[in-house]
Amino acid sequence: MNLSEDILFYAFRYTLGRMTYAVSTVAQEIILHAHELHPRTRDTMIMEIRKAIAYNVAGMDVDRKQWEEVLAKLNEIETGS
């Protein structure tokens, strides 16, 4: 099955800040496909995750940790490290 970047982004927008088991699934899919995302999509995700964490609206602690993992992966690709 091919995963549409648009669908993954919509799922990201839906789950960021929510307290749901879906965060884990979406976060893992983003990490898995991070290298395939358009740079603009990665930049938007990075910005929105940083903002959610800074304003303490990224979800429960377990969710925030997942978003921090996503952020680390996206930053790794952006910086090439």
C-alpha atoms as a PDB file:
ATOM      1  CA  MET A   1       0.000   0.000   0.000  1.00  0.00           C
ATOM      2  CA  ASN A   2       1.314   3.437  -0.873  1.00  0.00           C
ATOM      3  CA  LEU A   3       0.855   6.073   1.779  1.00  0.00           C
ATOM      4  CA  SER A   4      -0.195   9.461   0.453  1.00  0.00           C
ATOM      5  CA  GLU A   5       1.819  12.375   1.817  1.00  0.00           C
ATOM      6  CA  ASP A   6      -1.390  14.382   2.035  1.00  0.00           C
ATOM      7  CA  ILE A   7      -3.125  11.723   4.124  1.00  0.00           C
ATOM      8  CA  LEU A   8      -0.099  11.440   6.407  1.00  0.00           C
ATOM      9  CA  PHE A   9      -0.069  15.217   6.865  1.00  0.00           C
ATOM     10  CA  TYR A  10      -3.813  15.286   7.632  1.00  0.00           C
ATOM     11  CA  ALA A  11      -3.294  12.507  10.181  1.00  0.00           C
ATOM     12  CA  PHE A  12      -0.416  14.502  11.693  1.00  0.00           C
ATOM     13  CA  ARG A  13      -2.599  17.590  11.998  1.00  0.00           C
ATOM     14  CA  TYR A  14      -5.406  15.537  13.532  1.00  0.00           C
ATOM     15  CA  THR A  15      -3.271  13.766  16.129  1.00  0.00           C
ATOM     16  CA  LEU A  16      -0.871  16.523  17.211  1.00  0.00           C
ATOM     17  CA  GLY A  17      -2.140  17.622  20.598  1.00  0.00           C
ATOM     18  CA  ARG A  18      -4.733  14.908  20.985  1.00  0.00           C
ATOM     19  CA  MET A  19      -4.688  12.244  23.649  1.00  0.00           C
ATOM     20  CA  THR A  20      -5.266   9.143  21.573  1.00  0.00           C
ATOM     21  CA  TYR A  21      -3.505   5.893  20.785  1.00  0.00           C
ATOM     22  CA  ALA A  22      -3.427   7.071  17.155  1.00  0.00           C
ATOM     23  CA  VAL A  23      -0.478   9.345  17.992  1.00  0.00           C
ATOM     24  CA  SER A  24       1.796   6.316  18.162  1.00  0.00           C
ATOM     25  CA  THR A  25       0.702   5.030  14.759  1.00  0.00           C
ATOM     26  CA  VAL A  26       0.968   8.411  13.039  1.00  0.00           C
ATOM     27  CA  ALA A  27       4.311   9.235  14.663  1.00  0.00           C
ATOM     28  CA  GLN A  28       5.798   5.913  13.546  1.00  0.00           C
ATOM     29  CA  GLU A  29       4.530   6.394   9.986  1.00  0.00           C
ATOM     30  CA  ILE A  30       6.051   9.870   9.835  1.00  0.00           C
ATOM     31  CA  ILE A  31       9.381   8.520  11.096  1.00  0.00           C
ATOM     32  CA  LEU A  32       9.218   5.661   8.597  1.00  0.00           C
ATOM     33  CA  HIS A  33       8.453   7.938   5.649  1.00  0.00           C
ATOM     34  CA  ALA A  34      10.240  11.124   6.762  1.00  0.00           C
ATOM     35  CA  HIS A  35      12.818  10.880   3.987  1.00  0.00           C
ATOM     36  CA  GLU A  36      10.023  10.796   1.385  1.00  0.00           C
ATOM     37  CA  LEU A  37       8.271  13.948   2.585  1.00  0.00           C
ATOM     38  CA  HIS A  38       8.532  17.178   0.639  1.00  0.00           C
ATOM     39  CA  PRO A  39      10.877  19.615   2.425  1.00  0.00           C
ATOM     40  CA  ARG A  40       8.023  22.084   2.898  1.00  0.00           C
ATOM     41  CA  THR A  41       5.955  19.382   4.614  1.00  0.00           C
ATOM     42  CA  ARG A  42       8.871  18.510   6.897  1.00  0.00           C
ATOM     43  CA  ASP A  43       9.423  22.186   7.728  1.00  0.00           C
ATOM     44  CA  THR A  44       5.748  22.648   8.589  1.00  0.00           C
ATOM     45  CA  MET A  45       5.730  19.569  10.795  1.00  0.00           C
ATOM     46  CA  ILE A  46       8.902  20.715  12.573  1.00  0.00           C
ATOM     47  CA  MET A  47       7.425  24.157  13.204  1.00  0.00           C
ATOM     48  CA  GLU A  48       4.098  22.805  14.458  1.00  0.00           C
ATOM     49  CA  ILE A  49       5.660  20.168  16.728  1.00  0.00           C
ATOM     50  CA  ARG A  50       8.021  22.741  18.240  1.00  0.00           C
ATOM     51  CA  LYS A  51       5.118  25.098  18.855  1.00  0.00           C
ATOM     52  CA  ALA A  52       2.959  22.376  20.422  1.00  0.00           C
ATOM     53  CA  ILE A  53       5.788  21.344  22.740  1.00  0.00           C
ATOM     54  CA  ALA A  54       6.654  24.952  23.651  1.00  0.00           C
ATOM     55  CA  TYR A  55       3.025  25.727  24.532  1.00  0.00           C
ATOM     56  CA  ASN A  56       2.604  22.377  26.304  1.00  0.00           C
ATOM     57  CA  VAL A  57      -0.214  21.295  23.991  1.00  0.00           C
ATOM     58  CA  ALA A  58       1.433  18.259  22.384  1.00  0.00           C
ATOM     59  CA  GLY A  59      -0.723  15.813  24.354  1.00  0.00           C
ATOM     60  CA  MET A  60       0.101  13.666  27.345  1.00  0.00           C
ATOM     61  CA  ASP A  61       3.732  12.993  28.302  1.00  0.00           C
ATOM     62  CA  VAL A  62       3.800   9.764  26.309  1.00  0.00           C
ATOM     63  CA  ASP A  63       2.485  11.642  23.252  1.00  0.00           C
ATOM     64  CA  ARG A  64       4.960  14.485  23.689  1.00  0.00           C
ATOM     65  CA  LYS A  65       7.803  11.951  23.777  1.00  0.00           C
ATOM     66  CA  GLN A  66       6.585  10.476  20.498  1.00  0.00           C
ATOM     67  CA  TRP A  67       6.453  13.928  18.906  1.00  0.00           C
ATOM     68  CA  GLU A  68       9.975  14.606  20.164  1.00  0.00           C
ATOM     69  CA  GLU A  69      11.103  11.441  18.354  1.00  0.00           C
ATOM     70  CA  VAL A  70       9.385  12.622  15.174  1.00  0.00           C
ATOM     71  CA  LEU A  71      11.011  16.030  15.564  1.00  0.00           C
ATOM     72  CA  ALA A  72      14.438  14.442  15.979  1.00  0.00           C
ATOM     73  CA  LYS A  73      13.981  12.367  12.813  1.00  0.00           C
ATOM     74  CA  LEU A  74      12.723  15.320  10.774  1.00  0.00           C
ATOM     75  CA  ASN A  75      15.592  17.501  12.007  1.00  0.00           C
ATOM     76  CA  GLU A  76      18.072  14.728  11.176  1.00  0.00           C
ATOM     77  CA  ILE A  77      16.872  14.705   7.588  1.00  0.00           C
ATOM     78  CA  GLU A  78      16.760  18.485   7.334  1.00  0.00           C
ATOM     79  CA  THR A  79      20.313  18.883   8.588  1.00  0.00           C
ATOM     80  CA  GLY A  80      21.654  15.812   6.815  1.00  0.00           C
ATOM     81  CA  SER A  81      23.125  14.337   9.973  1.00  0.00           C
END
